[in-house]
């Protein structure tokens, strides 16, 4: 973008107005009446525009570090493709309920300029969401460390890594953050057809601050794509 101000205008007002699809129900809350981040992410994903995600492989792409559909050097969507869609849905949905949603929050860390992908604030709840798109193992672990620095700077009450990946067999070795680190992670596998069209998206697993029982859910990405949500009952460190 030409300037942070223009970027804010486009993200906050233009994109949500052009693509208004968002949940009409109230945001889910936990038992303590705080925003339920996991259920919010689950719902927001179902409102992603499949055409925008699909175009990411052609218009806003990177080269996957591993194999996709058995091939190397495949074009896959960049992080910004997912970030813009998630931001659009959250702004349209949560801001109507008194929450603030900020993209690319500027931080000064050790005299360096850093930017946190998404921050959701409502009263004393501060949710930090750091996104990745088909990262390498090294990039993923680097983000696990980086997001904790961001969280300290923002006094975040929740710290999340949301990893969108197109790589084959990523579920065999997903590289979770260590339990007790304070980082919660969601792994999402975007399935592409041979012709690089967006077929469907599945949530491979979720590492919370403590283990969760096995759950399987299915719901639609509008208008006709399917997400599978699977929470494993145990994880490897």
Protein backbone atom coordinates (compact mmCIF):
# COMPACT_ATOMS: atom_id res chain seq x y z
CA UNK A 1 0.00 0.00 0.00
CA UNK A 2 1.11 3.59 -0.60
CA UNK A 3 0.68 4.56 3.07
CA UNK A 4 -0.60 3.12 6.36
CA UNK A 5 -3.60 5.46 6.17
CA UNK A 6 -4.64 4.22 2.71
CA UNK A 7 -4.05 0.65 3.86
CA UNK A 8 -6.36 1.25 6.85
CA UNK A 9 -9.07 2.80 4.66
CA UNK A 10 -9.03 -0.10 2.21
CA UNK A 11 -8.91 -2.83 4.87
CA UNK A 12 -11.46 -1.26 7.23
CA UNK A 13 -13.99 0.29 4.86
CA UNK A 14 -13.56 -0.68 1.20
CA UNK A 15 -13.00 -4.46 1.36
CA UNK A 16 -15.71 -5.14 4.01
CA UNK A 17 -18.18 -3.09 1.96
CA UNK A 18 -17.39 -4.87 -1.31
CA UNK A 19 -17.39 -8.32 0.32
CA UNK A 20 -19.95 -8.05 3.13
CA UNK A 21 -20.45 -11.76 3.86
CA UNK A 22 -20.02 -12.37 7.60
CA UNK A 23 -21.81 -14.18 10.45
CA UNK A 24 -25.09 -12.62 11.52
CA UNK A 25 -25.21 -14.41 14.85
CA UNK A 26 -23.54 -12.97 17.94
CA UNK A 27 -19.90 -13.83 18.55
CA UNK A 28 -19.53 -16.96 20.72
CA UNK A 29 -18.49 -16.42 24.31
CA UNK A 30 -16.75 -18.61 26.86
CA UNK A 31 -18.25 -19.41 30.25
CA UNK A 32 -16.56 -16.29 31.65
CA UNK A 33 -18.28 -14.15 28.96
CA UNK A 34 -15.01 -13.49 27.12
CA UNK A 35 -14.77 -13.96 23.36
CA UNK A 36 -14.28 -17.63 22.47
CA UNK A 37 -11.37 -17.35 20.04
CA UNK A 38 -11.42 -20.93 18.82
CA UNK A 39 -15.11 -20.88 17.95
CA UNK A 40 -14.73 -17.43 16.38
CA UNK A 41 -11.95 -18.72 14.10
CA UNK A 42 -14.00 -21.79 13.23
CA UNK A 43 -16.97 -19.65 12.23
CA UNK A 44 -14.93 -16.99 10.42
CA UNK A 45 -13.27 -19.60 8.20
CA UNK A 46 -16.64 -20.67 6.86
CA UNK A 47 -17.16 -17.14 5.52
CA UNK A 48 -13.93 -16.95 3.53
CA UNK A 49 -14.53 -16.10 -0.12
CA UNK A 50 -13.36 -19.17 -2.01
CA UNK A 51 -12.70 -17.22 -5.21
CA UNK A 52 -10.35 -14.81 -3.42
CA UNK A 53 -8.46 -17.67 -1.79
CA UNK A 54 -8.26 -19.49 -5.11
CA UNK A 55 -6.88 -16.44 -6.92
CA UNK A 56 -4.10 -16.26 -4.37
CA UNK A 57 -2.32 -19.11 -6.16
CA UNK A 58 -2.14 -17.00 -9.31
CA UNK A 59 -2.09 -13.33 -8.27
CA UNK A 60 -0.61 -13.20 -4.79
CA UNK A 61 1.53 -16.29 -4.48
CA UNK A 62 4.75 -17.69 -3.10
CA UNK A 63 6.61 -20.89 -3.95
CA UNK A 64 5.87 -23.69 -1.50
CA UNK A 65 9.00 -24.97 0.27
CA UNK A 66 7.78 -28.57 0.15
CA UNK A 67 5.59 -30.76 -2.03
CA UNK A 68 2.03 -29.83 -2.99
CA UNK A 69 0.04 -32.51 -4.81
CA UNK A 70 3.28 -34.44 -5.13
CA UNK A 71 5.04 -31.62 -6.96
CA UNK A 72 7.76 -29.13 -6.00
CA UNK A 73 8.01 -25.39 -6.71
CA UNK A 74 4.22 -25.02 -6.67
CA UNK A 75 2.58 -21.59 -6.37
CA UNK A 76 0.50 -21.21 -3.22
CA UNK A 77 -1.30 -18.20 -1.64
CA UNK A 78 0.77 -15.79 0.41
CA UNK A 79 -0.02 -14.92 4.00
CA UNK A 80 -1.66 -11.63 2.99
CA UNK A 81 -4.41 -13.51 1.12
CA UNK A 82 -5.56 -15.24 4.29
CA UNK A 83 -4.96 -12.21 6.49
CA UNK A 84 -7.16 -9.95 4.38
CA UNK A 85 -10.00 -12.46 4.37
CA UNK A 86 -9.83 -13.10 8.11
CA UNK A 87 -9.62 -9.37 8.82
CA UNK A 88 -12.61 -8.68 6.56
CA UNK A 89 -14.81 -11.20 8.35
CA UNK A 90 -13.73 -10.17 11.86
CA UNK A 91 -14.22 -6.44 11.19
CA UNK A 92 -17.70 -6.96 9.75
CA UNK A 93 -18.66 -9.26 12.59
CA UNK A 94 -16.90 -8.32 15.83
CA UNK A 95 -16.73 -4.53 15.48
CA UNK A 96 -20.53 -4.46 15.55
CA UNK A 97 -20.30 -5.96 19.03
CA UNK A 98 -17.92 -3.41 20.47
CA UNK A 99 -14.62 -5.13 19.70
CA UNK A 100 -11.66 -3.49 17.97
CA UNK A 101 -9.88 -5.37 15.20
CA UNK A 102 -6.49 -4.06 14.07
CA UNK A 103 -4.33 -5.43 11.26
CA UNK A 104 -0.55 -4.91 11.10
CA UNK A 105 -0.25 -3.39 14.58
CA UNK A 106 3.06 -1.53 14.66
CA UNK A 107 5.52 -2.39 17.42
CA UNK A 108 8.99 -1.08 18.22
CA UNK A 109 11.14 -3.95 19.47
CA UNK A 110 14.85 -3.43 20.11
CA UNK A 111 14.70 -0.32 17.88
CA UNK A 112 13.27 -2.43 15.03
CA UNK A 113 9.87 -1.95 13.40
CA UNK A 114 7.68 -5.04 13.74
CA UNK A 115 4.05 -5.67 12.80
CA UNK A 116 1.60 -8.04 14.44
CA UNK A 117 -0.85 -9.50 11.91
CA UNK A 118 -4.17 -9.18 13.77
CA UNK A 119 -5.16 -7.98 17.21
CA UNK A 120 -8.70 -8.25 18.62
CA UNK A 121 -9.48 -6.15 21.70
CA UNK A 122 -12.67 -6.10 23.74
CA UNK A 123 -12.54 -4.54 27.19
CA UNK A 124 -9.60 -6.21 28.98
CA UNK A 125 -9.31 -9.11 26.52
CA UNK A 126 -6.48 -8.80 23.98
CA UNK A 127 -6.25 -11.60 21.40
CA UNK A 128 -3.12 -11.73 19.26
CA UNK A 129 -3.32 -13.67 15.98
CA UNK A 130 -0.14 -14.31 14.02
CA UNK A 131 -0.70 -15.93 10.61
CA UNK A 132 1.57 -18.06 8.45
CA UNK A 133 1.15 -19.44 4.94
CA UNK A 134 2.84 -22.73 4.00
CA UNK A 135 5.91 -22.00 6.14
CA UNK A 136 9.11 -23.96 6.58
CA UNK A 137 9.79 -25.67 9.90
CA UNK A 138 12.29 -22.93 10.74
CA UNK A 139 9.82 -20.15 9.98
CA UNK A 140 7.18 -21.82 12.12
CA UNK A 141 9.46 -22.15 15.15
CA UNK A 142 10.72 -18.59 14.66
CA UNK A 143 7.11 -17.37 14.81
CA UNK A 144 6.50 -19.33 18.02
CA UNK A 145 9.27 -17.26 19.61
CA UNK A 146 8.38 -13.99 17.89
CA UNK A 147 4.71 -14.06 18.85
CA UNK A 148 5.61 -14.24 22.55
CA UNK A 149 7.60 -11.01 22.17
CA UNK A 150 4.61 -9.39 20.47
CA UNK A 151 2.32 -10.68 23.21
CA UNK A 152 4.46 -9.13 25.92
CA UNK A 153 4.53 -5.78 24.12
CA UNK A 154 0.74 -5.76 23.68
CA UNK A 155 -0.09 -7.29 27.09
CA UNK A 156 -2.04 -9.95 25.20
CA UNK A 157 -4.31 -12.23 27.17
CA UNK A 158 -4.31 -14.85 24.37
CA UNK A 159 -1.59 -15.67 21.86
CA UNK A 160 -2.39 -17.65 18.70
CA UNK A 161 -0.54 -18.96 15.67
CA UNK A 162 -2.85 -19.66 12.70
CA UNK A 163 -0.98 -21.71 10.11
CA UNK A 164 -2.51 -22.07 6.63
CA UNK A 165 -0.54 -24.65 4.69
CA UNK A 166 -0.90 -26.36 1.31
CA UNK A 167 1.89 -28.89 1.80
CA UNK A 168 1.31 -32.62 1.45
CA UNK A 169 1.24 -34.84 4.55
CA UNK A 170 1.71 -31.93 6.94
CA UNK A 171 -0.40 -33.77 9.50
CA UNK A 172 2.36 -36.39 9.86
CA UNK A 173 4.67 -33.87 11.54
CA UNK A 174 2.88 -30.59 12.27
CA UNK A 175 5.52 -29.10 14.64
CA UNK A 176 3.36 -27.89 17.51
CA UNK A 177 4.45 -25.25 20.03
CA UNK A 178 5.52 -26.67 23.37
CA UNK A 179 2.83 -27.11 25.96
CA UNK A 180 3.17 -24.44 28.61
CA UNK A 181 4.70 -21.92 26.20
CA UNK A 182 1.54 -19.82 26.24
CA UNK A 183 1.17 -20.13 22.45
CA UNK A 184 -1.96 -21.76 21.07
CA UNK A 185 -1.93 -22.97 17.48
CA UNK A 186 -4.36 -23.88 14.74
CA UNK A 187 -3.15 -25.81 11.68
CA UNK A 188 -5.24 -25.51 8.52
CA UNK A 189 -4.58 -27.56 5.42
CA UNK A 190 -5.74 -25.93 2.18
CA UNK A 191 -6.32 -28.58 -0.44
CA UNK A 192 -5.66 -27.60 -4.06
CA UNK A 193 -6.68 -29.52 -7.15
CA UNK A 194 -4.08 -30.43 -9.76
CA UNK A 195 -5.07 -27.28 -11.69
CA UNK A 196 -4.38 -25.19 -8.55
CA UNK A 197 -8.05 -24.52 -7.84
CA UNK A 198 -9.11 -24.22 -4.22
CA UNK A 199 -10.92 -27.44 -3.39
CA UNK A 200 -11.45 -27.46 0.35
CA UNK A 201 -9.94 -26.52 3.68
CA UNK A 202 -9.59 -28.66 6.75
CA UNK A 203 -8.44 -27.89 10.25
CA UNK A 204 -5.85 -30.56 10.97
CA UNK A 205 -5.56 -29.93 14.66
CA UNK A 206 -5.43 -27.43 17.45
CA UNK A 207 -3.00 -27.20 20.32
CA UNK A 208 -4.52 -25.40 23.26
CA UNK A 209 -2.93 -24.67 26.61
CA UNK A 210 -4.03 -28.14 27.66
CA UNK A 211 -5.06 -31.28 25.80
CA UNK A 212 -8.59 -31.50 24.45
CA UNK A 213 -10.77 -34.50 23.60
CA UNK A 214 -11.23 -35.68 20.03
CA UNK A 215 -13.91 -33.72 18.21
CA UNK A 216 -14.92 -33.85 14.55
CA UNK A 217 -17.04 -31.17 12.91
CA UNK A 218 -17.97 -30.44 9.34
CA UNK A 219 -19.28 -27.15 7.99
CA UNK A 220 -19.31 -25.25 4.72
CA UNK A 221 -17.13 -22.50 3.31
CA UNK A 222 -19.56 -20.31 1.45
CA UNK A 223 -21.00 -21.16 -0.92
CA UNK A 224 -20.16 -24.84 -1.31
CA UNK A 225 -16.77 -25.83 0.11
CA UNK A 226 -16.23 -28.01 3.12
CA UNK A 227 -14.11 -27.58 6.24
CA UNK A 228 -13.32 -30.49 8.52
CA UNK A 229 -12.48 -29.53 12.09
CA UNK A 230 -10.53 -32.17 13.99
CA UNK A 231 -9.16 -31.64 17.48
CA UNK A 232 -6.70 -34.42 18.35
CA UNK A 233 -6.95 -35.86 21.86
CA UNK A 234 -3.17 -35.92 22.29
CA UNK A 235 -0.14 -34.30 20.72
CA UNK A 236 3.59 -34.80 20.41
CA UNK A 237 5.95 -32.18 21.84
